[in-house]
C-alpha atoms as a PDB file:
ATOM      1  CA  MET A   1       3.990 -43.455   9.374  1.00  0.00           C
ATOM      2  CA  GLY A   2       3.529 -40.237  11.377  1.00  0.00           C
ATOM      3  CA  GLY A   3       3.164 -36.742  10.001  1.00  0.00           C
ATOM      4  CA  SER A   4       0.924 -35.366   7.313  1.00  0.00           C
ATOM      5  CA  SER A   5       1.415 -35.473   3.591  1.00  0.00           C
ATOM      6  CA  PRO A   6       2.063 -32.244   1.686  1.00  0.00           C
ATOM      7  CA  PRO A   7      -1.006 -30.512   0.262  1.00  0.00           C
ATOM      8  CA  SER A   8      -1.972 -31.586  -3.206  1.00  0.00           C
ATOM      9  CA  ARG A   9      -1.837 -29.263  -6.196  1.00  0.00           C
ATOM     10  CA  HIS A  10      -5.633 -29.254  -6.148  1.00  0.00           C
ATOM     11  CA  ARG A  11      -5.681 -27.960  -2.584  1.00  0.00           C
ATOM     12  CA  LEU A  12      -3.086 -25.303  -3.298  1.00  0.00           C
ATOM     13  CA  ALA A  13      -5.112 -24.032  -6.230  1.00  0.00           C
ATOM     14  CA  ALA A  14      -7.881 -22.986  -3.864  1.00  0.00           C
ATOM     15  CA  TRP A  15      -5.540 -20.419  -2.347  1.00  0.00           C
ATOM     16  CA  GLU A  16      -4.037 -19.029  -5.502  1.00  0.00           C
ATOM     17  CA  VAL A  17      -4.581 -15.356  -6.175  1.00  0.00           C
ATOM     18  CA  HIS A  18      -6.816 -14.688  -9.177  1.00  0.00           C
ATOM     19  CA  ILE A  19      -6.508 -11.058 -10.258  1.00  0.00           C
ATOM     20  CA  GLU A  20      -5.411 -11.473 -13.846  1.00  0.00           C
ATOM     21  CA  ARG A  21      -6.437  -8.774 -16.312  1.00  0.00           C
ATOM     22  CA  ARG A  22      -7.178  -6.285 -13.537  1.00  0.00           C
ATOM     23  CA  VAL A  23      -5.960  -2.692 -13.819  1.00  0.00           C
ATOM     24  CA  ALA A  24      -4.140  -1.456 -10.707  1.00  0.00           C
ATOM     25  CA  ILE A  25      -2.637   1.848  -9.626  1.00  0.00           C
ATOM     26  CA  VAL A  26       0.207   1.792  -7.105  1.00  0.00           C
ATOM     27  CA  THR A  27       1.339   5.165  -5.761  1.00  0.00           C
ATOM     28  CA  GLY A  28       4.875   5.653  -4.522  1.00  0.00           C
ATOM     29  CA  ALA A  29       5.947   2.750  -6.707  1.00  0.00           C
ATOM     30  CA  SER A  30       9.491   3.866  -7.479  1.00  0.00           C
ATOM     31  CA  ARG A  31      11.164   2.102  -4.541  1.00  0.00           C
ATOM     32  CA  GLY A  32      10.794   0.096  -1.354  1.00  0.00           C
ATOM     33  CA  ILE A  33       7.412  -1.337  -0.450  1.00  0.00           C
ATOM     34  CA  GLY A  34       5.632   0.311  -3.391  1.00  0.00           C
ATOM     35  CA  LYS A  35       8.081  -1.181  -5.862  1.00  0.00           C
ATOM     36  CA  GLU A  36       7.579  -4.667  -4.439  1.00  0.00           C
ATOM     37  CA  ILE A  37       3.794  -4.298  -4.429  1.00  0.00           C
ATOM     38  CA  ALA A  38       3.812  -3.241  -8.066  1.00  0.00           C
ATOM     39  CA  ALA A  39       6.054  -6.151  -9.040  1.00  0.00           C
ATOM     40  CA  ARG A  40       3.867  -8.643  -7.187  1.00  0.00           C
ATOM     41  CA  LEU A  41       0.623  -7.394  -8.728  1.00  0.00           C
ATOM     42  CA  ALA A  42       2.227  -7.547 -12.159  1.00  0.00           C
ATOM     43  CA  THR A  43       3.338 -11.119 -11.454  1.00  0.00           C
ATOM     44  CA  ASP A  44      -0.240 -11.911 -10.475  1.00  0.00           C
ATOM     45  CA  GLY A  45      -1.348 -10.749 -13.921  1.00  0.00           C
ATOM     46  CA  CYS A  46      -2.448  -7.163 -13.321  1.00  0.00           C
ATOM     47  CA  HIS A  47      -1.639  -4.294 -15.629  1.00  0.00           C
ATOM     48  CA  VAL A  48       0.002  -1.959 -13.132  1.00  0.00           C
ATOM     49  CA  VAL A  49       0.171   1.829 -13.360  1.00  0.00           C
ATOM     50  CA  LEU A  50       3.170   3.068 -11.392  1.00  0.00           C
ATOM     51  CA  THR A  51       3.140   6.583  -9.946  1.00  0.00           C
ATOM     52  CA  ALA A  52       5.829   8.646  -8.230  1.00  0.00           C
ATOM     53  CA  ARG A  53       7.709  11.909  -8.773  1.00  0.00           C
ATOM     54  CA  SER A  54      10.867  10.534 -10.379  1.00  0.00           C
ATOM     55  CA  PRO A  55      10.447   9.494 -14.040  1.00  0.00           C
ATOM     56  CA  GLU A  56      13.834   7.776 -14.066  1.00  0.00           C
ATOM     57  CA  ALA A  57      13.071   5.643 -11.021  1.00  0.00           C
ATOM     58  CA  LEU A  58       9.628   4.774 -12.354  1.00  0.00           C
ATOM     59  CA  GLU A  59      11.039   3.721 -15.692  1.00  0.00           C
ATOM     60  CA  ALA A  60      13.538   1.449 -13.962  1.00  0.00           C
ATOM     61  CA  VAL A  61      10.714  -0.303 -12.119  1.00  0.00           C
ATOM     62  CA  ARG A  62       8.597  -0.540 -15.273  1.00  0.00           C
ATOM     63  CA  GLY A  63      11.543  -2.010 -17.151  1.00  0.00           C
ATOM     64  CA  ALA A  64      12.137  -4.629 -14.486  1.00  0.00           C
ATOM     65  CA  ILE A  65       8.461  -5.616 -14.540  1.00  0.00           C
ATOM     66  CA  ALA A  66       8.490  -5.869 -18.333  1.00  0.00           C
ATOM     67  CA  ALA A  67      11.678  -7.938 -18.261  1.00  0.00           C
ATOM     68  CA  ALA A  68       9.942 -10.373 -15.926  1.00  0.00           C
ATOM     69  CA  GLY A  69       7.021 -10.679 -18.332  1.00  0.00           C
ATOM     70  CA  GLY A  70       4.663  -8.273 -16.604  1.00  0.00           C
ATOM     71  CA  SER A  71       2.657  -5.327 -17.887  1.00  0.00           C
ATOM     72  CA  ALA A  72       3.142  -1.817 -16.504  1.00  0.00           C
ATOM     73  CA  GLU A  73       3.122   1.852 -17.391  1.00  0.00           C
ATOM     74  CA  THR A  74       4.175   4.984 -15.523  1.00  0.00           C
ATOM     75  CA  ARG A  75       2.637   8.293 -14.471  1.00  0.00           C
ATOM     76  CA  VAL A  76       4.662  11.094 -12.877  1.00  0.00           C
ATOM     77  CA  VAL A  77       2.416  12.499 -10.149  1.00  0.00           C
ATOM     78  CA  ASP A  78       3.012  14.993  -7.352  1.00  0.00           C
ATOM     79  CA  MET A  79       0.868  13.714  -4.483  1.00  0.00           C
ATOM     80  CA  THR A  80       0.688  17.190  -2.940  1.00  0.00           C
ATOM     81  CA  ASP A  81      -1.302  18.361  -5.988  1.00  0.00           C
ATOM     82  CA  GLY A  82      -4.867  17.146  -5.520  1.00  0.00           C
ATOM     83  CA  GLU A  83      -5.927  18.107  -9.038  1.00  0.00           C
ATOM     84  CA  ALA A  84      -3.004  16.175 -10.523  1.00  0.00           C
ATOM     85  CA  VAL A  85      -3.838  13.103  -8.442  1.00  0.00           C
ATOM     86  CA  THR A  86      -7.471  13.213  -9.536  1.00  0.00           C
ATOM     87  CA  ALA A  87      -6.520  13.725 -13.173  1.00  0.00           C
ATOM     88  CA  ALA A  88      -4.080  10.798 -13.127  1.00  0.00           C
ATOM     89  CA  VAL A  89      -6.639   8.392 -11.667  1.00  0.00           C
ATOM     90  CA  GLU A  90      -9.342   9.524 -14.071  1.00  0.00           C
ATOM     91  CA  GLU A  91      -6.963   9.244 -17.039  1.00  0.00           C
ATOM     92  CA  VAL A  92      -6.042   5.673 -16.163  1.00  0.00           C
ATOM     93  CA  ALA A  93      -9.708   4.678 -15.832  1.00  0.00           C
ATOM     94  CA  SER A  94     -10.574   6.404 -19.122  1.00  0.00           C
ATOM     95  CA  THR A  95      -7.645   4.938 -21.043  1.00  0.00           C
ATOM     96  CA  HIS A  96      -8.245   1.368 -19.919  1.00  0.00           C
ATOM     97  CA  GLY A  97     -11.998   1.530 -19.531  1.00  0.00           C
ATOM     98  CA  ARG A  98     -11.742   0.325 -15.961  1.00  0.00           C
ATOM     99  CA  LEU A  99      -9.923   0.657 -12.666  1.00  0.00           C
ATOM    100  CA  ASP A 100      -9.986  -2.291 -10.325  1.00  0.00           C
ATOM    101  CA  ILE A 101      -7.296  -1.846  -7.688  1.00  0.00           C
ATOM    102  CA  LEU A 102      -5.885   1.226  -5.957  1.00  0.00           C
ATOM    103  CA  VAL A 103      -2.915   0.860  -3.624  1.00  0.00           C
ATOM    104  CA  ASN A 104      -2.089   4.090  -1.795  1.00  0.00           C
ATOM    105  CA  ASN A 105       1.505   3.651  -0.750  1.00  0.00           C
ATOM    106  CA  ALA A 106       3.076   7.085  -1.357  1.00  0.00           C
ATOM    107  CA  GLY A 107       4.268   8.721   1.823  1.00  0.00           C
ATOM    108  CA  MET A 108       6.809  10.957   3.459  1.00  0.00           C
ATOM    109  CA  THR A 109       8.231  11.728   6.891  1.00  0.00           C
ATOM    110  CA  ARG A 110       9.442  14.893   8.553  1.00  0.00           C
ATOM    111  CA  ASP A 111      10.292  13.657  11.986  1.00  0.00           C
ATOM    112  CA  GLY A 112      10.797  15.869  14.986  1.00  0.00           C
ATOM    113  CA  LEU A 113       9.751  16.143  18.591  1.00  0.00           C
ATOM    114  CA  PHE A 114       6.183  17.336  19.089  1.00  0.00           C
ATOM    115  CA  LEU A 115       7.141  20.553  20.894  1.00  0.00           C
ATOM    116  CA  ARG A 116       9.583  21.546  18.156  1.00  0.00           C
ATOM    117  CA  MET A 117       7.540  20.500  15.120  1.00  0.00           C
ATOM    118  CA  SER A 118       6.581  23.337  12.782  1.00  0.00           C
ATOM    119  CA  ASP A 119       3.120  23.797  11.326  1.00  0.00           C
ATOM    120  CA  ASP A 120       4.582  23.232   7.866  1.00  0.00           C
ATOM    121  CA  ASP A 121       6.170  19.924   8.854  1.00  0.00           C
ATOM    122  CA  PHE A 122       2.878  18.787  10.333  1.00  0.00           C
ATOM    123  CA  ASP A 123       0.746  19.909   7.397  1.00  0.00           C
ATOM    124  CA  SER A 124       3.046  18.617   4.646  1.00  0.00           C
ATOM    125  CA  VAL A 125       3.080  15.090   6.060  1.00  0.00           C
ATOM    126  CA  LEU A 126      -0.707  15.054   6.409  1.00  0.00           C
ATOM    127  CA  THR A 127      -1.074  16.336   2.845  1.00  0.00           C
ATOM    128  CA  VAL A 128       0.940  13.490   1.329  1.00  0.00           C
ATOM    129  CA  ASN A 129       0.046  10.673   3.723  1.00  0.00           C
ATOM    130  CA  LEU A 130      -3.645  11.382   4.256  1.00  0.00           C
ATOM    131  CA  ARG A 131      -5.160  14.057   2.032  1.00  0.00           C
ATOM    132  CA  SER A 132      -3.729  12.546  -1.164  1.00  0.00           C
ATOM    133  CA  VAL A 133      -5.221   9.182  -0.192  1.00  0.00           C
ATOM    134  CA  PHE A 134      -8.642  10.764   0.247  1.00  0.00           C
ATOM    135  CA  VAL A 135      -8.360  12.435  -3.162  1.00  0.00           C
ATOM    136  CA  ALA A 136      -7.177   9.270  -4.927  1.00  0.00           C
ATOM    137  CA  CYS A 137      -9.872   7.114  -3.314  1.00  0.00           C
ATOM    138  CA  ARG A 138     -12.581   9.590  -4.262  1.00  0.00           C
ATOM    139  CA  ALA A 139     -11.451   9.585  -7.892  1.00  0.00           C
ATOM    140  CA  ALA A 140     -11.064   5.798  -8.016  1.00  0.00           C
ATOM    141  CA  ALA A 141     -14.462   5.100  -6.478  1.00  0.00           C
ATOM    142  CA  ARG A 142     -16.386   6.229  -9.543  1.00  0.00           C
ATOM    143  CA  PRO A 143     -14.912   3.789 -12.088  1.00  0.00           C
ATOM    144  CA  MET A 144     -14.945   1.031  -9.466  1.00  0.00           C
ATOM    145  CA  MET A 145     -18.641   1.654  -8.857  1.00  0.00           C
ATOM    146  CA  ARG A 146     -19.317   1.467 -12.591  1.00  0.00           C
ATOM    147  CA  GLY A 147     -17.491  -1.853 -12.693  1.00  0.00           C
ATOM    148  CA  LYS A 148     -19.258  -3.076  -9.535  1.00  0.00           C
ATOM    149  CA  TRP A 149     -15.929  -4.343  -8.216  1.00  0.00           C
ATOM    150  CA  GLY A 150     -12.968  -2.717  -6.551  1.00  0.00           C
ATOM    151  CA  ARG A 151     -10.135  -3.073  -4.090  1.00  0.00           C
ATOM    152  CA  ILE A 152      -8.793  -0.086  -2.170  1.00  0.00           C
ATOM    153  CA  ILE A 153      -5.701  -0.926  -0.148  1.00  0.00           C
ATOM    154  CA  ASN A 154      -4.106   1.817   1.925  1.00  0.00           C
ATOM    155  CA  ILE A 155      -0.634   1.352   3.355  1.00  0.00           C
ATOM    156  CA  GLY A 156      -0.646   2.547   6.934  1.00  0.00           C
ATOM    157  CA  SER A 157       1.818   1.986   9.767  1.00  0.00           C
ATOM    158  CA  VAL A 158       1.933   0.683  13.300  1.00  0.00           C
ATOM    159  CA  SER A 159       2.744   4.302  14.187  1.00  0.00           C
ATOM    160  CA  GLY A 160      -0.925   5.025  13.524  1.00  0.00           C
ATOM    161  CA  LEU A 161      -1.887   2.416  16.105  1.00  0.00           C
ATOM    162  CA  MET A 162       0.789   2.932  18.755  1.00  0.00           C
ATOM    163  CA  GLY A 163       2.085   6.451  18.225  1.00  0.00           C
ATOM    164  CA  ASN A 164       5.818   6.990  17.949  1.00  0.00           C
ATOM    165  CA  PRO A 165       8.087   9.591  19.567  1.00  0.00           C
ATOM    166  CA  GLY A 166       9.194  12.139  16.992  1.00  0.00           C
ATOM    167  CA  GLN A 167       6.368  11.315  14.594  1.00  0.00           C
ATOM    168  CA  ALA A 168       3.336  13.296  15.742  1.00  0.00           C
ATOM    169  CA  ASN A 169       2.615  14.242  12.131  1.00  0.00           C
ATOM    170  CA  TYR A 170       3.183  10.785  10.629  1.00  0.00           C
ATOM    171  CA  ALA A 171       1.304   8.932  13.379  1.00  0.00           C
ATOM    172  CA  THR A 172      -1.617  11.349  13.080  1.00  0.00           C
ATOM    173  CA  ALA A 173      -1.789  10.835   9.321  1.00  0.00           C
ATOM    174  CA  LYS A 174      -1.666   7.054   9.608  1.00  0.00           C
ATOM    175  CA  ALA A 175      -4.281   7.022  12.371  1.00  0.00           C
ATOM    176  CA  GLY A 176      -6.515   9.198  10.203  1.00  0.00           C
ATOM    177  CA  LEU A 177      -5.978   6.773   7.339  1.00  0.00           C
ATOM    178  CA  ILE A 178      -7.644   4.051   9.373  1.00  0.00           C
ATOM    179  CA  GLY A 179     -10.747   6.158   9.990  1.00  0.00           C
ATOM    180  CA  LEU A 180     -10.884   7.173   6.340  1.00  0.00           C
ATOM    181  CA  THR A 181     -10.571   3.580   5.131  1.00  0.00           C
ATOM    182  CA  LYS A 182     -13.228   2.243   7.471  1.00  0.00           C
ATOM    183  CA  THR A 183     -15.622   4.972   6.352  1.00  0.00           C
ATOM    184  CA  ILE A 184     -14.966   4.251   2.672  1.00  0.00           C
ATOM    185  CA  ALA A 185     -15.552   0.554   3.327  1.00  0.00           C
ATOM    186  CA  ARG A 186     -18.949   1.298   4.862  1.00  0.00           C
ATOM    187  CA  GLU A 187     -19.993   3.671   2.097  1.00  0.00           C
ATOM    188  CA  LEU A 188     -18.865   1.570  -0.858  1.00  0.00           C
ATOM    189  CA  GLY A 189     -19.350  -1.993   0.349  1.00  0.00           C
ATOM    190  CA  SER A 190     -22.755  -2.360  -1.289  1.00  0.00           C
ATOM    191  CA  LYS A 191     -21.100  -1.514  -4.623  1.00  0.00           C
ATOM    192  CA  GLY A 192     -18.748  -4.498  -4.484  1.00  0.00           C
ATOM    193  CA  ILE A 193     -15.776  -2.429  -3.313  1.00  0.00           C
ATOM    194  CA  THR A 194     -13.628  -3.335  -0.327  1.00  0.00           C
ATOM    195  CA  ALA A 195     -11.268  -1.020   1.539  1.00  0.00           C
ATOM    196  CA  ASN A 196      -8.569  -2.153   3.949  1.00  0.00           C
ATOM    197  CA  VAL A 197      -5.377  -0.942   5.600  1.00  0.00           C
ATOM    198  CA  VAL A 198      -2.074  -2.807   5.714  1.00  0.00           C
ATOM    199  CA  ALA A 199      -0.025  -1.525   8.649  1.00  0.00           C
ATOM    200  CA  PRO A 200       3.654  -2.499   8.425  1.00  0.00           C
ATOM    201  CA  GLY A 201       6.076  -2.330  11.294  1.00  0.00           C
ATOM    202  CA  PHE A 202       9.841  -2.092  10.768  1.00  0.00           C
ATOM    203  CA  ILE A 203      10.527  -3.154   7.179  1.00  0.00           C
ATOM    204  CA  GLU A 204      13.891  -3.339   5.427  1.00  0.00           C
ATOM    205  CA  THR A 205      13.761  -0.245   3.180  1.00  0.00           C
ATOM    206  CA  ASP A 206      15.926   2.775   2.384  1.00  0.00           C
ATOM    207  CA  MET A 207      14.186   4.582   5.236  1.00  0.00           C
ATOM    208  CA  THR A 208      15.027   2.029   7.925  1.00  0.00           C
ATOM    209  CA  ALA A 209      18.515   1.460   6.494  1.00  0.00           C
ATOM    210  CA  SER A 210      19.467   4.930   7.700  1.00  0.00           C
ATOM    211  CA  LEU A 211      18.529   4.175  11.323  1.00  0.00           C
ATOM    212  CA  PRO A 212      21.411   3.818  13.790  1.00  0.00           C
ATOM    213  CA  GLN A 213      22.447   0.194  14.193  1.00  0.00           C
ATOM    214  CA  GLU A 214      22.050   0.405  17.968  1.00  0.00           C
ATOM    215  CA  LEU A 215      18.407   1.418  17.507  1.00  0.00           C
ATOM    216  CA  LYS A 216      17.779  -1.397  15.033  1.00  0.00           C
ATOM    217  CA  ASP A 217      19.347  -3.926  17.385  1.00  0.00           C
ATOM    218  CA  GLU A 218      17.170  -2.696  20.239  1.00  0.00           C
ATOM    219  CA  VAL A 219      14.009  -2.946  18.129  1.00  0.00           C
ATOM    220  CA  ILE A 220      14.869  -6.456  16.975  1.00  0.00           C
ATOM    221  CA  LYS A 221      15.313  -7.600  20.586  1.00  0.00           C
ATOM    222  CA  GLY A 222      11.681  -6.670  21.236  1.00  0.00           C
ATOM    223  CA  LEU A 223      10.289  -8.460  18.181  1.00  0.00           C
ATOM    224  CA  PRO A 224       9.028 -12.023  18.627  1.00  0.00           C
ATOM    225  CA  LEU A 225      10.339 -12.839  15.139  1.00  0.00           C
ATOM    226  CA  ARG A 226      13.712 -11.195  15.903  1.00  0.00           C
ATOM    227  CA  ARG A 227      14.071  -9.479  12.516  1.00  0.00           C
ATOM    228  CA  PHE A 228      12.779  -6.639  10.380  1.00  0.00           C
ATOM    229  CA  GLY A 229      10.196  -7.511   7.765  1.00  0.00           C
ATOM    230  CA  ARG A 230      10.833  -7.560   4.035  1.00  0.00           C
ATOM    231  CA  SER A 231       9.039  -5.463   1.441  1.00  0.00           C
ATOM    232  CA  GLU A 232       7.895  -8.547  -0.422  1.00  0.00           C
ATOM    233  CA  GLU A 233       6.118  -9.759   2.730  1.00  0.00           C
ATOM    234  CA  ILE A 234       3.967  -6.634   2.633  1.00  0.00           C
ATOM    235  CA  ALA A 235       3.414  -7.193  -1.091  1.00  0.00           C
ATOM    236  CA  HIS A 236       2.104 -10.712  -0.424  1.00  0.00           C
ATOM    237  CA  VAL A 237      -0.562  -9.331   1.914  1.00  0.00           C
ATOM    238  CA  VAL A 238      -1.573  -6.668  -0.613  1.00  0.00           C
ATOM    239  CA  SER A 239      -1.787  -9.327  -3.323  1.00  0.00           C
ATOM    240  CA  PHE A 240      -4.232 -11.316  -1.211  1.00  0.00           C
ATOM    241  CA  LEU A 241      -6.357  -8.267  -0.421  1.00  0.00           C
ATOM    242  CA  ALA A 242      -6.493  -7.416  -4.126  1.00  0.00           C
ATOM    243  CA  SER A 243      -7.816 -10.843  -5.043  1.00  0.00           C
ATOM    244  CA  ASP A 244     -11.271 -12.373  -5.225  1.00  0.00           C
ATOM    245  CA  LEU A 245     -10.305 -14.504  -2.229  1.00  0.00           C
ATOM    246  CA  ALA A 246     -10.527 -11.409  -0.007  1.00  0.00           C
ATOM    247  CA  GLY A 247     -14.021 -10.485  -1.155  1.00  0.00           C
ATOM    248  CA  TYR A 248     -15.509 -10.681   2.348  1.00  0.00           C
ATOM    249  CA  LEU A 249     -12.683  -8.783   4.030  1.00  0.00           C
ATOM    250  CA  THR A 250     -13.247  -5.050   4.392  1.00  0.00           C
ATOM    251  CA  ALA A 251     -12.821  -2.208   6.907  1.00  0.00           C
ATOM    252  CA  GLN A 252      -9.903  -4.112   8.444  1.00  0.00           C
ATOM    253  CA  VAL A 253      -6.390  -3.190   9.549  1.00  0.00           C
ATOM    254  CA  LEU A 254      -3.936  -5.994   8.803  1.00  0.00           C
ATOM    255  CA  VAL A 255      -0.911  -5.447  11.009  1.00  0.00           C
ATOM    256  CA  VAL A 256       2.299  -6.879   9.540  1.00  0.00           C
ATOM    257  CA  ASP A 257       4.896  -6.008  12.180  1.00  0.00           C
ATOM    258  CA  GLY A 258       6.513  -9.189  13.452  1.00  0.00           C
ATOM    259  CA  GLY A 259       4.604  -8.866  16.729  1.00  0.00           C
ATOM    260  CA  LEU A 260       5.823  -5.345  17.554  1.00  0.00           C
ATOM    261  CA  SER A 261       2.446  -3.926  18.530  1.00  0.00           C
ATOM    262  CA  HIS A 262       1.113  -6.949  20.438  1.00  0.00           C
END
């Protein structure tokens, strides 16, 4: 008979993600991609620390994770406050005696044409999308170095690779994130710590839901897969990068955009 038989359970086991008992921080975990990443890491067996600015939204996510049998706690953190970011990371590492995984997902946009963009709109987006990542990574590196193991996963964007009209600030921040991550990977690799970027394209979130339908239809026409991505598809990639299976993968940009940028 033609065709191949389905893979055995033994073969599948080789690809399972093994990150149980790890402690992970996910920033911007109250909704969208961050929420899905947190849920996936909890499903994988991590104890997940959720951070965002809204205590109510964080508690809803924590409750959903707990209801599904996962382990999570919350921290209300303003990512524009570098001291608060550092303190939160250090507190998590001190409380649990370890910090294994850091997922920098928190972000913001203040779109506008380049010639009309204010200094404040430019600076505020860089503060949240780039400076806060630098601060969080710096704080997380110390406990990861003590543990001789770590995964730093920064959520970028195809805007940082391609540019995007109306997003000079956002594209600059996401492009800078790539340089930052590659540098961290080179500096910390000998300590057993990897650092990578996941760069989503158009993903079904609250942010893209507000786009005009005509624009969404036009984007979809140009995508080989003919659809927007789903938040859980980004979470799957993060889950792999957080696992032992990705131990030889560092300083990379994994583009998850349905073929948009190729």
